[in-house]
C-alpha atoms as a PDB file:
ATOM      1  CA  UNK A   1      -6.957 -16.787  -7.704  1.00  0.00           C
ATOM      2  CA  UNK A   2      -7.789 -14.645 -11.207  1.00  0.00           C
ATOM      3  CA  UNK A   3      -5.636 -11.544 -11.611  1.00  0.00           C
ATOM      4  CA  UNK A   4      -7.744  -9.812 -14.703  1.00  0.00           C
ATOM      5  CA  UNK A   5      -7.270  -6.836 -11.774  1.00  0.00           C
ATOM      6  CA  UNK A   6      -3.772  -6.363 -13.156  1.00  0.00           C
ATOM      7  CA  UNK A   7      -4.087  -5.022 -16.884  1.00  0.00           C
ATOM      8  CA  UNK A   8      -5.720  -1.606 -14.555  1.00  0.00           C
ATOM      9  CA  UNK A   9      -2.827  -2.061 -11.839  1.00  0.00           C
ATOM     10  CA  UNK A  10      -1.767   1.749 -10.959  1.00  0.00           C
ATOM     11  CA  UNK A  11       1.909   0.149 -11.112  1.00  0.00           C
ATOM     12  CA  UNK A  12       1.953  -1.184 -14.301  1.00  0.00           C
ATOM     13  CA  UNK A  13       4.686   1.177 -16.321  1.00  0.00           C
ATOM     14  CA  UNK A  14       6.906   2.177 -13.004  1.00  0.00           C
ATOM     15  CA  UNK A  15      10.213   0.347 -12.080  1.00  0.00           C
ATOM     16  CA  UNK A  16       9.566  -2.373  -9.544  1.00  0.00           C
ATOM     17  CA  UNK A  17      12.393  -1.994  -7.599  1.00  0.00           C
ATOM     18  CA  UNK A  18       9.765   0.948  -5.794  1.00  0.00           C
ATOM     19  CA  UNK A  19       7.873  -2.078  -4.440  1.00  0.00           C
ATOM     20  CA  UNK A  20      10.726  -4.155  -2.923  1.00  0.00           C
ATOM     21  CA  UNK A  21      13.105  -1.203  -1.266  1.00  0.00           C
ATOM     22  CA  UNK A  22      13.602  -0.839   1.827  1.00  0.00           C
ATOM     23  CA  UNK A  23      10.685  -0.555   3.951  1.00  0.00           C
ATOM     24  CA  UNK A  24      11.576   2.756   5.075  1.00  0.00           C
ATOM     25  CA  UNK A  25      12.544   4.324   1.805  1.00  0.00           C
ATOM     26  CA  UNK A  26      11.610   7.442  -0.500  1.00  0.00           C
ATOM     27  CA  UNK A  27      11.181   4.552  -3.008  1.00  0.00           C
ATOM     28  CA  UNK A  28       8.521   2.424  -1.010  1.00  0.00           C
ATOM     29  CA  UNK A  29       6.749   5.875   0.089  1.00  0.00           C
ATOM     30  CA  UNK A  30       6.269   6.406  -3.166  1.00  0.00           C
ATOM     31  CA  UNK A  31       5.299   2.867  -4.108  1.00  0.00           C
ATOM     32  CA  UNK A  32       2.677   3.576  -1.065  1.00  0.00           C
ATOM     33  CA  UNK A  33       1.398   6.598  -2.624  1.00  0.00           C
ATOM     34  CA  UNK A  34       1.297   5.266  -5.620  1.00  0.00           C
ATOM     35  CA  UNK A  35      -1.201   2.148  -4.829  1.00  0.00           C
ATOM     36  CA  UNK A  36      -3.615   4.989  -2.875  1.00  0.00           C
ATOM     37  CA  UNK A  37      -4.483   6.417  -6.358  1.00  0.00           C
ATOM     38  CA  UNK A  38      -5.072   2.496  -7.740  1.00  0.00           C
ATOM     39  CA  UNK A  39      -8.519   1.490  -8.575  1.00  0.00           C
ATOM     40  CA  UNK A  40      -7.452  -2.224  -7.950  1.00  0.00           C
ATOM     41  CA  UNK A  41      -5.648  -2.003  -4.568  1.00  0.00           C
ATOM     42  CA  UNK A  42      -8.362  -4.120  -2.842  1.00  0.00           C
ATOM     43  CA  UNK A  43      -7.910  -6.766  -5.524  1.00  0.00           C
ATOM     44  CA  UNK A  44      -3.406  -6.393  -4.813  1.00  0.00           C
ATOM     45  CA  UNK A  45      -4.109  -6.804  -1.399  1.00  0.00           C
ATOM     46  CA  UNK A  46      -6.274 -10.135  -1.412  1.00  0.00           C
ATOM     47  CA  UNK A  47      -4.398 -11.307  -3.777  1.00  0.00           C
ATOM     48  CA  UNK A  48      -0.930 -10.434  -1.572  1.00  0.00           C
ATOM     49  CA  UNK A  49      -2.516 -11.846   1.291  1.00  0.00           C
ATOM     50  CA  UNK A  50      -3.722 -15.305  -0.546  1.00  0.00           C
ATOM     51  CA  UNK A  51      -0.037 -15.596  -1.496  1.00  0.00           C
ATOM     52  CA  UNK A  52       1.885 -15.047   1.184  1.00  0.00           C
ATOM     53  CA  UNK A  53      -0.681 -16.923   3.424  1.00  0.00           C
ATOM     54  CA  UNK A  54       1.126 -19.873   1.507  1.00  0.00           C
ATOM     55  CA  UNK A  55       4.466 -18.700   1.049  1.00  0.00           C
ATOM     56  CA  UNK A  56       7.043 -20.268   3.060  1.00  0.00           C
ATOM     57  CA  UNK A  57       8.967 -17.068   2.691  1.00  0.00           C
ATOM     58  CA  UNK A  58       6.733 -14.819   4.057  1.00  0.00           C
ATOM     59  CA  UNK A  59       5.681 -11.526   3.201  1.00  0.00           C
ATOM     60  CA  UNK A  60       7.593  -9.187   1.183  1.00  0.00           C
ATOM     61  CA  UNK A  61       7.982  -5.917  -0.815  1.00  0.00           C
ATOM     62  CA  UNK A  62       5.093  -3.447  -0.767  1.00  0.00           C
ATOM     63  CA  UNK A  63       0.927  -4.638  -2.213  1.00  0.00           C
ATOM     64  CA  UNK A  64      -1.875  -3.203  -1.860  1.00  0.00           C
ATOM     65  CA  UNK A  65      -0.846   0.262  -0.375  1.00  0.00           C
ATOM     66  CA  UNK A  66       0.450  -1.977   2.540  1.00  0.00           C
ATOM     67  CA  UNK A  67       4.392  -2.511   3.357  1.00  0.00           C
ATOM     68  CA  UNK A  68       5.115  -6.673   4.387  1.00  0.00           C
ATOM     69  CA  UNK A  69       5.120  -4.830   7.623  1.00  0.00           C
ATOM     70  CA  UNK A  70       1.544  -3.871   7.920  1.00  0.00           C
ATOM     71  CA  UNK A  71       0.201  -7.144   5.690  1.00  0.00           C
ATOM     72  CA  UNK A  72       1.690  -8.835   8.519  1.00  0.00           C
ATOM     73  CA  UNK A  73      -0.128  -6.441  11.132  1.00  0.00           C
ATOM     74  CA  UNK A  74      -3.436  -7.481   9.195  1.00  0.00           C
ATOM     75  CA  UNK A  75      -2.762 -11.020   9.097  1.00  0.00           C
ATOM     76  CA  UNK A  76      -2.171 -11.707  12.392  1.00  0.00           C
ATOM     77  CA  UNK A  77      -4.793  -9.725  13.622  1.00  0.00           C
ATOM     78  CA  UNK A  78      -2.946  -7.077  15.468  1.00  0.00           C
ATOM     79  CA  UNK A  79      -3.373  -3.996  12.709  1.00  0.00           C
ATOM     80  CA  UNK A  80      -5.722  -1.888  10.801  1.00  0.00           C
ATOM     81  CA  UNK A  81      -4.716  -1.615   7.071  1.00  0.00           C
ATOM     82  CA  UNK A  82      -4.947   1.299   5.403  1.00  0.00           C
ATOM     83  CA  UNK A  83      -8.854   1.206   3.984  1.00  0.00           C
ATOM     84  CA  UNK A  84      -9.521   1.062   8.085  1.00  0.00           C
ATOM     85  CA  UNK A  85      -7.082   3.330   9.530  1.00  0.00           C
ATOM     86  CA  UNK A  86      -8.155   4.237  12.664  1.00  0.00           C
ATOM     87  CA  UNK A  87      -8.169   8.338  13.504  1.00  0.00           C
ATOM     88  CA  UNK A  88      -5.754   8.597  16.249  1.00  0.00           C
ATOM     89  CA  UNK A  89      -4.843   4.616  16.559  1.00  0.00           C
ATOM     90  CA  UNK A  90      -0.817   4.733  16.959  1.00  0.00           C
ATOM     91  CA  UNK A  91      -0.377   1.485  16.326  1.00  0.00           C
ATOM     92  CA  UNK A  92       1.716   0.435  13.322  1.00  0.00           C
ATOM     93  CA  UNK A  93      -0.015   0.048  10.296  1.00  0.00           C
ATOM     94  CA  UNK A  94      -2.022   3.423  11.167  1.00  0.00           C
ATOM     95  CA  UNK A  95       0.327   5.834  11.830  1.00  0.00           C
ATOM     96  CA  UNK A  96       2.094   4.168   8.197  1.00  0.00           C
ATOM     97  CA  UNK A  97      -0.628   4.765   6.280  1.00  0.00           C
ATOM     98  CA  UNK A  98      -1.605   8.605   8.104  1.00  0.00           C
ATOM     99  CA  UNK A  99       2.131   9.492   6.932  1.00  0.00           C
ATOM    100  CA  UNK A 100       1.562   7.934   2.640  1.00  0.00           C
ATOM    101  CA  UNK A 101      -1.713   9.270   2.830  1.00  0.00           C
ATOM    102  CA  UNK A 102      -0.674  12.520   3.779  1.00  0.00           C
ATOM    103  CA  UNK A 103       2.479  12.072   1.031  1.00  0.00           C
ATOM    104  CA  UNK A 104       0.188  11.037  -1.462  1.00  0.00           C
ATOM    105  CA  UNK A 105      -2.444  13.896  -1.083  1.00  0.00           C
ATOM    106  CA  UNK A 106       0.772  16.239  -1.192  1.00  0.00           C
ATOM    107  CA  UNK A 107       1.983  14.639  -4.815  1.00  0.00           C
ATOM    108  CA  UNK A 108      -1.522  14.918  -5.918  1.00  0.00           C
ATOM    109  CA  UNK A 109      -1.889  18.763  -5.218  1.00  0.00           C
ATOM    110  CA  UNK A 110       1.917  19.348  -6.627  1.00  0.00           C
ATOM    111  CA  UNK A 111       1.049  18.276  -9.950  1.00  0.00           C
ATOM    112  CA  UNK A 112      -2.690  19.525  -9.900  1.00  0.00           C
ATOM    113  CA  UNK A 113      -3.623  21.853  -7.032  1.00  0.00           C
ATOM    114  CA  UNK A 114      -5.563  21.036  -4.971  1.00  0.00           C
ATOM    115  CA  UNK A 115      -7.206  17.063  -4.362  1.00  0.00           C
ATOM    116  CA  UNK A 116     -10.979  17.620  -3.809  1.00  0.00           C
ATOM    117  CA  UNK A 117     -10.434  14.580  -1.176  1.00  0.00           C
ATOM    118  CA  UNK A 118      -8.532  16.701   1.107  1.00  0.00           C
END
């Protein structure tokens, strides 16, 4: 799989530690917020899922606007993922996505006023 999308990734230039912090930390939430505004989030997720499917060590860190737990749920077929979060669903991936989405919109509002997508 080609990784031409990396040059357009929103995470470029940010501290990589954000993407490998404890899953429920402030750093992970910041990484997820950056991912949610990324123009290549789908490519990142597809690449992470492909690499992790072949990796003996399993899933780690944040990629494609998903924590390792969220990507595992996608791989297992037990989660919907951020692109398909279901309103009112109480599964961990959907809950985590809604928390992160709300944080992302709050950060946008604080930085530049109201978000047009809200």
